[in-house]
Amino acid sequence: MSMSNYANYADVIQNKDIEKIVPKEWKDFMDTLAKNDMDFEDFAREHHFEDCENKAVVESYQKLQNAFNKKTYLKIRIQYHDAEESDRGDDINGAFFAVDGMYQLTPAGKKYKDIVVRKFYVTFG
């Protein structure tokens, strides 16, 4: 059986920028993490690989997501990536927020959206 590499991408927003956009909800989320003896990296790792069982933390996270969406019309989701287990060229390591909804198809792209497929590949140099 062979091993494979899979390409991934994320449109990433920095935590400080989320804090600027929705400061109250960001503070509430950080405070809820602290009250529950959890830090940002722990929550990201737990939420990414399995469902977090701490109801207060999950609710605070969802409020943050909803506030961000209401303000920007974009969706954020917490992710976790360990570059140590992947590739030294990765741009992401640890916890991060990915943003969904950044791009729209052009009118020409919409016309051919059912026959053009985005694909990813990895090359080695």
N, C-alpha and C. Protein backbone atom coordinates (compact mmCIF):
# COMPACT_ATOMS: atom_id res chain seq x y z
N MET A 1 0.85 -1.17 0.00
CA MET A 1 0.00 0.00 0.00
C MET A 1 0.90 1.24 0.00
N SER A 2 0.59 2.18 -0.85
CA SER A 2 1.43 3.36 -0.94
C SER A 2 0.89 4.49 -0.07
N MET A 3 1.77 5.40 0.26
CA MET A 3 1.41 6.58 1.02
C MET A 3 1.10 7.69 0.02
N SER A 4 0.25 8.64 0.39
CA SER A 4 -0.12 9.73 -0.51
C SER A 4 -0.03 11.05 0.22
N ASN A 5 0.15 12.09 -0.53
CA ASN A 5 0.05 13.45 -0.02
C ASN A 5 -1.22 14.06 -0.59
N TYR A 6 -1.90 14.83 0.20
CA TYR A 6 -3.12 15.48 -0.26
C TYR A 6 -2.97 16.98 -0.07
N ALA A 7 -3.31 17.72 -1.07
CA ALA A 7 -3.22 19.17 -0.99
C ALA A 7 -4.43 19.71 -0.24
N ASN A 8 -4.22 20.69 0.57
CA ASN A 8 -5.28 21.40 1.27
C ASN A 8 -5.00 22.88 1.15
N TYR A 9 -6.03 23.67 1.31
CA TYR A 9 -5.81 25.10 1.37
C TYR A 9 -6.82 25.70 2.34
N ALA A 10 -6.52 26.88 2.82
CA ALA A 10 -7.45 27.59 3.70
C ALA A 10 -7.24 29.08 3.49
N ASP A 11 -8.33 29.81 3.48
CA ASP A 11 -8.28 31.27 3.52
C ASP A 11 -8.28 31.62 5.00
N VAL A 12 -7.15 32.10 5.50
CA VAL A 12 -6.92 32.25 6.93
C VAL A 12 -7.06 33.70 7.37
N ILE A 13 -7.70 33.89 8.51
CA ILE A 13 -7.79 35.21 9.13
C ILE A 13 -7.09 35.13 10.48
N GLN A 14 -6.35 36.15 10.81
CA GLN A 14 -5.63 36.20 12.08
C GLN A 14 -6.61 36.45 13.23
N ASN A 15 -6.30 35.90 14.38
CA ASN A 15 -7.14 36.08 15.56
C ASN A 15 -7.35 37.55 15.89
N LYS A 16 -6.29 38.35 15.76
CA LYS A 16 -6.39 39.78 16.09
C LYS A 16 -7.40 40.49 15.19
N ASP A 17 -7.55 40.00 13.96
CA ASP A 17 -8.52 40.62 13.05
C ASP A 17 -9.95 40.21 13.41
N ILE A 18 -10.13 38.99 13.86
CA ILE A 18 -11.46 38.58 14.35
C ILE A 18 -11.81 39.41 15.57
N GLU A 19 -10.83 39.60 16.45
CA GLU A 19 -11.06 40.40 17.65
C GLU A 19 -11.48 41.82 17.30
N LYS A 20 -10.91 42.40 16.25
CA LYS A 20 -11.29 43.76 15.82
C LYS A 20 -12.71 43.79 15.25
N ILE A 21 -13.09 42.73 14.56
CA ILE A 21 -14.39 42.70 13.89
C ILE A 21 -15.53 42.44 14.88
N VAL A 22 -15.32 41.50 15.80
CA VAL A 22 -16.35 41.16 16.79
C VAL A 22 -15.71 41.08 18.18
N PRO A 23 -15.34 42.24 18.72
CA PRO A 23 -14.57 42.25 19.99
C PRO A 23 -15.30 41.65 21.18
N LYS A 24 -16.59 41.90 21.32
CA LYS A 24 -17.32 41.37 22.47
C LYS A 24 -17.35 39.85 22.44
N GLU A 25 -17.70 39.29 21.29
CA GLU A 25 -17.80 37.83 21.17
C GLU A 25 -16.43 37.16 21.28
N TRP A 26 -15.40 37.84 20.78
CA TRP A 26 -14.04 37.30 20.91
C TRP A 26 -13.66 37.22 22.39
N LYS A 27 -13.91 38.32 23.12
CA LYS A 27 -13.58 38.33 24.55
C LYS A 27 -14.37 37.26 25.29
N ASP A 28 -15.65 37.14 24.98
CA ASP A 28 -16.47 36.11 25.62
C ASP A 28 -15.92 34.72 25.34
N PHE A 29 -15.51 34.46 24.11
CA PHE A 29 -14.94 33.16 23.75
C PHE A 29 -13.65 32.89 24.52
N MET A 30 -12.76 33.86 24.55
CA MET A 30 -11.49 33.70 25.28
C MET A 30 -11.73 33.51 26.77
N ASP A 31 -12.67 34.30 27.33
CA ASP A 31 -13.00 34.16 28.75
C ASP A 31 -13.60 32.79 29.06
N THR A 32 -14.45 32.30 28.18
CA THR A 32 -15.08 30.98 28.37
C THR A 32 -14.03 29.88 28.31
N LEU A 33 -13.10 30.00 27.37
CA LEU A 33 -12.00 29.02 27.32
C LEU A 33 -11.24 29.01 28.64
N ALA A 34 -10.87 30.20 29.11
CA ALA A 34 -10.08 30.31 30.35
C ALA A 34 -10.84 29.74 31.55
N LYS A 35 -12.13 30.05 31.64
CA LYS A 35 -12.95 29.56 32.76
C LYS A 35 -13.05 28.03 32.76
N ASN A 36 -12.86 27.44 31.60
CA ASN A 36 -12.99 25.99 31.46
C ASN A 36 -11.64 25.31 31.31
N ASP A 37 -10.58 26.01 31.77
CA ASP A 37 -9.22 25.47 31.73
C ASP A 37 -8.83 24.93 30.36
N MET A 38 -9.17 25.69 29.32
CA MET A 38 -8.86 25.29 27.97
C MET A 38 -8.24 26.49 27.26
N ASP A 39 -7.22 26.26 26.47
CA ASP A 39 -6.68 27.37 25.70
C ASP A 39 -7.09 27.19 24.23
N PHE A 40 -6.80 28.20 23.44
CA PHE A 40 -7.21 28.24 22.04
C PHE A 40 -6.71 27.01 21.27
N GLU A 41 -5.44 26.66 21.45
CA GLU A 41 -4.85 25.50 20.75
C GLU A 41 -5.56 24.20 21.16
N ASP A 42 -5.82 24.05 22.46
CA ASP A 42 -6.51 22.84 22.95
C ASP A 42 -7.89 22.70 22.30
N PHE A 43 -8.64 23.81 22.31
CA PHE A 43 -9.98 23.76 21.74
C PHE A 43 -9.92 23.45 20.24
N ALA A 44 -9.01 24.09 19.53
CA ALA A 44 -8.89 23.87 18.09
C ALA A 44 -8.57 22.40 17.80
N ARG A 45 -7.63 21.87 18.53
CA ARG A 45 -7.24 20.47 18.34
C ARG A 45 -8.43 19.54 18.63
N GLU A 46 -9.10 19.78 19.75
CA GLU A 46 -10.22 18.94 20.14
C GLU A 46 -11.39 19.09 19.17
N HIS A 47 -11.71 20.31 18.80
CA HIS A 47 -12.84 20.55 17.92
C HIS A 47 -12.57 20.04 16.50
N HIS A 48 -11.33 20.12 16.08
CA HIS A 48 -10.96 19.69 14.73
C HIS A 48 -10.98 18.16 14.59
N PHE A 49 -10.46 17.47 15.57
CA PHE A 49 -10.32 16.02 15.47
C PHE A 49 -11.51 15.24 16.04
N GLU A 50 -12.27 15.87 16.89
CA GLU A 50 -13.46 15.23 17.47
C GLU A 50 -14.32 16.34 18.02
N ASP A 51 -15.53 16.04 18.36
CA ASP A 51 -16.41 17.06 18.90
C ASP A 51 -16.01 17.41 20.32
N CYS A 52 -15.95 18.70 20.59
CA CYS A 52 -15.69 19.17 21.94
C CYS A 52 -16.93 18.90 22.78
N GLU A 53 -16.75 18.34 23.94
CA GLU A 53 -17.88 17.98 24.79
C GLU A 53 -18.24 19.06 25.81
N ASN A 54 -17.47 20.15 25.84
CA ASN A 54 -17.76 21.22 26.79
C ASN A 54 -18.81 22.15 26.18
N LYS A 55 -20.02 22.06 26.68
CA LYS A 55 -21.15 22.79 26.12
C LYS A 55 -20.95 24.31 26.16
N ALA A 56 -20.43 24.83 27.26
CA ALA A 56 -20.24 26.28 27.39
C ALA A 56 -19.25 26.80 26.35
N VAL A 57 -18.17 26.06 26.14
CA VAL A 57 -17.16 26.48 25.17
C VAL A 57 -17.72 26.41 23.76
N VAL A 58 -18.43 25.35 23.45
CA VAL A 58 -19.01 25.20 22.11
C VAL A 58 -20.03 26.30 21.84
N GLU A 59 -20.86 26.61 22.81
CA GLU A 59 -21.85 27.68 22.64
C GLU A 59 -21.18 29.03 22.43
N SER A 60 -20.12 29.30 23.17
CA SER A 60 -19.39 30.55 23.02
C SER A 60 -18.74 30.64 21.63
N TYR A 61 -18.19 29.53 21.19
CA TYR A 61 -17.60 29.46 19.85
C TYR A 61 -18.66 29.71 18.77
N GLN A 62 -19.82 29.10 18.93
CA GLN A 62 -20.90 29.29 17.96
C GLN A 62 -21.40 30.73 17.94
N LYS A 63 -21.44 31.38 19.10
CA LYS A 63 -21.82 32.80 19.16
C LYS A 63 -20.79 33.65 18.41
N LEU A 64 -19.52 33.31 18.58
CA LEU A 64 -18.47 34.02 17.85
C LEU A 64 -18.66 33.84 16.34
N GLN A 65 -18.89 32.62 15.92
CA GLN A 65 -19.12 32.34 14.49
C GLN A 65 -20.33 33.12 13.97
N ASN A 66 -21.42 33.10 14.71
CA ASN A 66 -22.64 33.78 14.27
C ASN A 66 -22.45 35.29 14.19
N ALA A 67 -21.78 35.87 15.18
CA ALA A 67 -21.54 37.31 15.17
C ALA A 67 -20.66 37.70 13.99
N PHE A 68 -19.63 36.91 13.73
CA PHE A 68 -18.73 37.18 12.61
C PHE A 68 -19.51 37.11 11.29
N ASN A 69 -20.34 36.10 11.16
CA ASN A 69 -21.14 35.94 9.94
C ASN A 69 -22.11 37.10 9.76
N LYS A 70 -22.75 37.51 10.84
CA LYS A 70 -23.71 38.61 10.78
C LYS A 70 -23.03 39.92 10.36
N LYS A 71 -21.83 40.11 10.84
CA LYS A 71 -21.10 41.36 10.56
C LYS A 71 -20.44 41.35 9.17
N THR A 72 -19.96 40.19 8.72
CA THR A 72 -19.15 40.14 7.49
C THR A 72 -19.80 39.38 6.34
N TYR A 73 -20.82 38.60 6.63
CA TYR A 73 -21.43 37.68 5.65
C TYR A 73 -20.47 36.57 5.24
N LEU A 74 -19.47 36.31 6.04
CA LEU A 74 -18.51 35.23 5.83
C LEU A 74 -18.60 34.27 7.01
N LYS A 75 -18.17 33.05 6.81
CA LYS A 75 -18.19 32.06 7.87
C LYS A 75 -16.76 31.74 8.30
N ILE A 76 -16.57 31.63 9.62
CA ILE A 76 -15.27 31.20 10.14
C ILE A 76 -15.43 29.85 10.81
N ARG A 77 -14.37 29.07 10.75
CA ARG A 77 -14.35 27.78 11.43
C ARG A 77 -12.94 27.53 11.93
N ILE A 78 -12.87 27.03 13.12
CA ILE A 78 -11.58 26.76 13.73
C ILE A 78 -11.01 25.46 13.14
N GLN A 79 -9.73 25.47 12.88
CA GLN A 79 -9.04 24.33 12.31
C GLN A 79 -7.75 24.10 13.10
N TYR A 80 -7.17 22.96 12.89
CA TYR A 80 -5.87 22.67 13.51
C TYR A 80 -5.04 21.86 12.52
N HIS A 81 -3.78 22.25 12.40
CA HIS A 81 -2.85 21.53 11.52
C HIS A 81 -1.49 21.45 12.20
N ASP A 82 -0.94 20.26 12.25
CA ASP A 82 0.39 20.06 12.82
C ASP A 82 1.39 19.89 11.68
N ALA A 83 2.14 20.94 11.40
CA ALA A 83 3.10 20.92 10.29
C ALA A 83 4.22 19.92 10.54
N GLU A 84 4.47 19.58 11.80
CA GLU A 84 5.50 18.59 12.12
C GLU A 84 5.16 17.23 11.50
N GLU A 85 3.88 16.95 11.38
CA GLU A 85 3.45 15.67 10.84
C GLU A 85 3.16 15.74 9.34
N SER A 86 3.47 16.88 8.73
CA SER A 86 3.12 17.06 7.33
C SER A 86 4.34 17.43 6.51
N ASP A 87 4.46 18.69 6.17
CA ASP A 87 5.53 19.13 5.28
C ASP A 87 6.16 20.40 5.81
N ARG A 88 7.46 20.49 5.71
CA ARG A 88 8.15 21.67 6.23
C ARG A 88 7.78 22.95 5.50
N GLY A 89 7.18 22.83 4.33
CA GLY A 89 6.78 24.01 3.56
C GLY A 89 5.40 24.52 3.87
N ASP A 90 4.71 23.89 4.82
CA ASP A 90 3.35 24.32 5.15
C ASP A 90 3.35 25.75 5.67
N ASP A 91 2.34 26.50 5.25
CA ASP A 91 2.18 27.88 5.71
C ASP A 91 1.44 27.95 7.04
N ILE A 92 0.86 26.86 7.46
CA ILE A 92 0.02 26.83 8.66
C ILE A 92 0.58 25.82 9.64
N ASN A 93 0.60 26.22 10.90
CA ASN A 93 0.99 25.30 11.96
C ASN A 93 0.23 25.66 13.23
N GLY A 94 -0.52 24.71 13.75
CA GLY A 94 -1.28 24.96 14.97
C GLY A 94 -2.71 25.36 14.66
N ALA A 95 -3.31 26.08 15.60
CA ALA A 95 -4.70 26.49 15.50
C ALA A 95 -4.84 27.71 14.60
N PHE A 96 -5.93 27.72 13.84
CA PHE A 96 -6.19 28.88 12.97
C PHE A 96 -7.67 28.92 12.63
N PHE A 97 -8.11 30.07 12.15
CA PHE A 97 -9.47 30.22 11.67
C PHE A 97 -9.46 30.28 10.15
N ALA A 98 -10.22 29.38 9.53
CA ALA A 98 -10.41 29.41 8.08
C ALA A 98 -11.69 30.20 7.82
N VAL A 99 -11.69 30.91 6.71
CA VAL A 99 -12.84 31.72 6.32
C VAL A 99 -13.48 31.10 5.08
N ASP A 100 -14.76 30.84 5.16
CA ASP A 100 -15.50 30.32 4.02
C ASP A 100 -16.32 31.45 3.40
N GLY A 101 -16.44 31.42 2.09
CA GLY A 101 -17.28 32.40 1.39
C GLY A 101 -16.52 33.58 0.84
N MET A 102 -15.21 33.45 0.69
CA MET A 102 -14.40 34.57 0.21
C MET A 102 -14.56 34.84 -1.29
N TYR A 103 -14.86 33.82 -2.06
CA TYR A 103 -14.82 33.97 -3.50
C TYR A 103 -16.13 33.58 -4.15
N GLN A 104 -16.43 34.26 -5.25
CA GLN A 104 -17.60 33.93 -6.05
C GLN A 104 -17.14 33.65 -7.47
N LEU A 105 -17.89 32.83 -8.14
CA LEU A 105 -17.59 32.58 -9.54
C LEU A 105 -17.90 33.82 -10.37
N THR A 106 -17.11 34.03 -11.40
CA THR A 106 -17.39 35.09 -12.36
C THR A 106 -18.59 34.67 -13.20
N PRO A 107 -19.22 35.58 -13.95
CA PRO A 107 -20.31 35.16 -14.84
C PRO A 107 -19.87 34.05 -15.80
N ALA A 108 -18.67 34.14 -16.32
CA ALA A 108 -18.18 33.09 -17.22
C ALA A 108 -17.99 31.78 -16.46
N GLY A 109 -17.47 31.87 -15.24
CA GLY A 109 -17.27 30.67 -14.42
C GLY A 109 -18.58 29.99 -14.08
N LYS A 110 -19.61 30.79 -13.81
CA LYS A 110 -20.91 30.22 -13.49
C LYS A 110 -21.45 29.39 -14.65
N LYS A 111 -21.19 29.85 -15.85
CA LYS A 111 -21.68 29.16 -17.05
C LYS A 111 -21.09 27.75 -17.14
N TYR A 112 -19.86 27.57 -16.70
CA TYR A 112 -19.17 26.29 -16.87
C TYR A 112 -18.91 25.57 -15.55
N LYS A 113 -19.59 25.99 -14.49
CA LYS A 113 -19.32 25.44 -13.16
C LYS A 113 -19.57 23.94 -13.05
N ASP A 114 -20.41 23.41 -13.89
CA ASP A 114 -20.71 21.97 -13.81
C ASP A 114 -19.71 21.10 -14.56
N ILE A 115 -18.84 21.73 -15.35
CA ILE A 115 -17.87 20.92 -16.10
C ILE A 115 -16.42 21.23 -15.74
N VAL A 116 -16.19 22.32 -15.01
CA VAL A 116 -14.83 22.66 -14.56
C VAL A 116 -14.74 22.30 -13.08
N VAL A 117 -13.72 21.54 -12.72
CA VAL A 117 -13.57 21.06 -11.35
C VAL A 117 -12.23 21.52 -10.80
N ARG A 118 -12.24 22.11 -9.60
CA ARG A 118 -10.99 22.48 -8.93
C ARG A 118 -10.33 21.23 -8.41
N LYS A 119 -9.06 21.07 -8.74
CA LYS A 119 -8.30 19.93 -8.25
C LYS A 119 -6.99 20.43 -7.66
N PHE A 120 -6.43 19.65 -6.78
CA PHE A 120 -5.20 20.01 -6.12
C PHE A 120 -4.15 18.94 -6.37
N TYR A 121 -2.92 19.35 -6.34
CA TYR A 121 -1.84 18.38 -6.46
C TYR A 121 -0.61 18.87 -5.74
N VAL A 122 0.24 17.93 -5.42
CA VAL A 122 1.47 18.23 -4.70
C VAL A 122 2.64 17.84 -5.60
N THR A 123 3.63 18.68 -5.66
CA THR A 123 4.84 18.34 -6.42
C THR A 123 6.01 18.35 -5.49
N PHE A 124 7.02 17.64 -5.85
CA PHE A 124 8.25 17.58 -5.06
C PHE A 124 9.39 18.11 -5.90
N GLY A 125 10.26 18.88 -5.30
CA GLY A 125 11.35 19.47 -6.07
C GLY A 125 12.71 19.04 -5.63
